[in-house]
Amino acid sequence: MSSVDSFLSKIASVIVNPLIRLLFAVALVVFLWGIFNYIKGASNPEARETGRRHIIWGLIGMLIMVSVFGIIKLALDTIYG
């Protein structure tokens, strides 16, 4: 393994993967907060709409993070075979 391969491997394991996990956790918190707001504001249409938006954005964020993780894994598997 060359020094460039070692450097890229370190960046992926030390910076990129924890960052993806952190952003996924943030998206999960937004999603759960949206569910909480939706249930708490069941009688208030404005609160339900706010909760619904949080749920949607949380799902979109989680989908993006799973996609990014998959793309990075595919790229690394292609490069390192």
C-alpha atoms as a PDB file:
ATOM      1  CA  MET A   1       0.000   0.000   0.000  1.00  0.00           C
ATOM      2  CA  SER A   2       1.483   3.316  -0.983  1.00  0.00           C
ATOM      3  CA  SER A   3       1.555   6.389   1.201  1.00  0.00           C
ATOM      4  CA  VAL A   4      -1.297   7.963  -0.807  1.00  0.00           C
ATOM      5  CA  ASP A   5      -3.479   4.893  -0.250  1.00  0.00           C
ATOM      6  CA  SER A   6      -2.646   4.942   3.437  1.00  0.00           C
ATOM      7  CA  PHE A   7      -3.449   8.669   3.629  1.00  0.00           C
ATOM      8  CA  LEU A   8      -6.820   8.224   1.886  1.00  0.00           C
ATOM      9  CA  SER A   9      -7.666   5.289   4.106  1.00  0.00           C
ATOM     10  CA  LYS A  10      -6.870   7.342   7.223  1.00  0.00           C
ATOM     11  CA  ILE A  11      -8.988  10.267   6.005  1.00  0.00           C
ATOM     12  CA  ALA A  12     -11.920   7.953   5.327  1.00  0.00           C
ATOM     13  CA  SER A  13     -11.719   6.221   8.696  1.00  0.00           C
ATOM     14  CA  VAL A  14     -10.844   9.212  10.885  1.00  0.00           C
ATOM     15  CA  ILE A  15     -12.745  12.119   9.298  1.00  0.00           C
ATOM     16  CA  VAL A  16     -15.333  11.081   6.720  1.00  0.00           C
ATOM     17  CA  ASN A  17     -17.005   8.100   8.430  1.00  0.00           C
ATOM     18  CA  PRO A  18     -17.457   9.833  11.819  1.00  0.00           C
ATOM     19  CA  LEU A  19     -18.760  12.943  10.044  1.00  0.00           C
ATOM     20  CA  ILE A  20     -21.326  10.870   8.140  1.00  0.00           C
ATOM     21  CA  ARG A  21     -22.400   9.180  11.376  1.00  0.00           C
ATOM     22  CA  LEU A  22     -22.719  12.537  13.125  1.00  0.00           C
ATOM     23  CA  LEU A  23     -24.840  14.022  10.336  1.00  0.00           C
ATOM     24  CA  PHE A  24     -26.979  10.867  10.255  1.00  0.00           C
ATOM     25  CA  ALA A  25     -27.538  11.223  14.007  1.00  0.00           C
ATOM     26  CA  VAL A  26     -28.540  14.884  13.538  1.00  0.00           C
ATOM     27  CA  ALA A  27     -31.028  13.880  10.828  1.00  0.00           C
ATOM     28  CA  LEU A  28     -32.421  11.179  13.126  1.00  0.00           C
ATOM     29  CA  VAL A  29     -32.872  13.712  15.942  1.00  0.00           C
ATOM     30  CA  VAL A  30     -34.687  16.089  13.554  1.00  0.00           C
ATOM     31  CA  PHE A  31     -36.929  13.212  12.449  1.00  0.00           C
ATOM     32  CA  LEU A  32     -37.733  12.184  16.032  1.00  0.00           C
ATOM     33  CA  TRP A  33     -38.301  15.819  17.027  1.00  0.00           C
ATOM     34  CA  GLY A  34     -40.762  16.102  14.145  1.00  0.00           C
ATOM     35  CA  ILE A  35     -42.647  13.035  15.345  1.00  0.00           C
ATOM     36  CA  PHE A  36     -42.745  14.468  18.865  1.00  0.00           C
ATOM     37  CA  ASN A  37     -44.049  17.820  17.598  1.00  0.00           C
ATOM     38  CA  TYR A  38     -46.600  16.137  15.356  1.00  0.00           C
ATOM     39  CA  ILE A  39     -48.019  14.070  18.199  1.00  0.00           C
ATOM     40  CA  LYS A  40     -47.821  16.880  20.767  1.00  0.00           C
ATOM     41  CA  GLY A  41     -49.602  19.326  18.481  1.00  0.00           C
ATOM     42  CA  ALA A  42     -52.262  16.920  17.257  1.00  0.00           C
ATOM     43  CA  SER A  43     -55.028  19.476  17.817  1.00  0.00           C
ATOM     44  CA  ASN A  44     -53.100  22.373  16.264  1.00  0.00           C
ATOM     45  CA  PRO A  45     -52.831  22.314  12.445  1.00  0.00           C
ATOM     46  CA  GLU A  46     -49.826  24.664  12.448  1.00  0.00           C
ATOM     47  CA  ALA A  47     -47.894  22.463  14.912  1.00  0.00           C
ATOM     48  CA  ARG A  48     -48.765  19.369  12.874  1.00  0.00           C
ATOM     49  CA  GLU A  49     -47.435  21.041   9.724  1.00  0.00           C
ATOM     50  CA  THR A  50     -44.197  22.005  11.493  1.00  0.00           C
ATOM     51  CA  GLY A  51     -43.805  18.439  12.762  1.00  0.00           C
ATOM     52  CA  ARG A  52     -44.516  17.081   9.292  1.00  0.00           C
ATOM     53  CA  ARG A  53     -41.815  19.296   7.774  1.00  0.00           C
ATOM     54  CA  HIS A  54     -39.307  18.134  10.378  1.00  0.00           C
ATOM     55  CA  ILE A  55     -40.198  14.511   9.667  1.00  0.00           C
ATOM     56  CA  ILE A  56     -39.740  14.987   5.915  1.00  0.00           C
ATOM     57  CA  TRP A  57     -36.422  16.854   6.269  1.00  0.00           C
ATOM     58  CA  GLY A  58     -35.154  14.277   8.752  1.00  0.00           C
ATOM     59  CA  LEU A  59     -35.969  11.474   6.316  1.00  0.00           C
ATOM     60  CA  ILE A  60     -34.312  13.359   3.459  1.00  0.00           C
ATOM     61  CA  GLY A  61     -31.204  13.916   5.594  1.00  0.00           C
ATOM     62  CA  MET A  62     -30.984  10.249   6.558  1.00  0.00           C
ATOM     63  CA  LEU A  63     -31.444   9.199   2.928  1.00  0.00           C
ATOM     64  CA  ILE A  64     -28.659  11.540   1.829  1.00  0.00           C
ATOM     65  CA  MET A  65     -26.276  10.248   4.516  1.00  0.00           C
ATOM     66  CA  VAL A  66     -26.963   6.605   3.630  1.00  0.00           C
ATOM     67  CA  SER A  67     -26.409   7.472  -0.045  1.00  0.00           C
ATOM     68  CA  VAL A  68     -23.139   9.284   0.687  1.00  0.00           C
ATOM     69  CA  PHE A  69     -21.916   6.359   2.773  1.00  0.00           C
ATOM     70  CA  GLY A  70     -22.815   3.945  -0.044  1.00  0.00           C
ATOM     71  CA  ILE A  71     -21.135   6.076  -2.713  1.00  0.00           C
ATOM     72  CA  ILE A  72     -17.943   6.371  -0.656  1.00  0.00           C
ATOM     73  CA  LYS A  73     -17.912   2.627   0.024  1.00  0.00           C
ATOM     74  CA  LEU A  74     -18.459   1.898  -3.669  1.00  0.00           C
ATOM     75  CA  ALA A  75     -15.636   4.269  -4.653  1.00  0.00           C
ATOM     76  CA  LEU A  76     -13.214   2.780  -2.111  1.00  0.00           C
ATOM     77  CA  ASP A  77     -14.120  -0.787  -3.125  1.00  0.00           C
ATOM     78  CA  THR A  78     -13.587   0.129  -6.766  1.00  0.00           C
ATOM     79  CA  ILE A  79     -10.206   1.740  -6.087  1.00  0.00           C
ATOM     80  CA  TYR A  80      -8.891  -0.897  -3.679  1.00  0.00           C
ATOM     81  CA  GLY A  81     -10.618  -3.821  -5.355  1.00  0.00           C
END
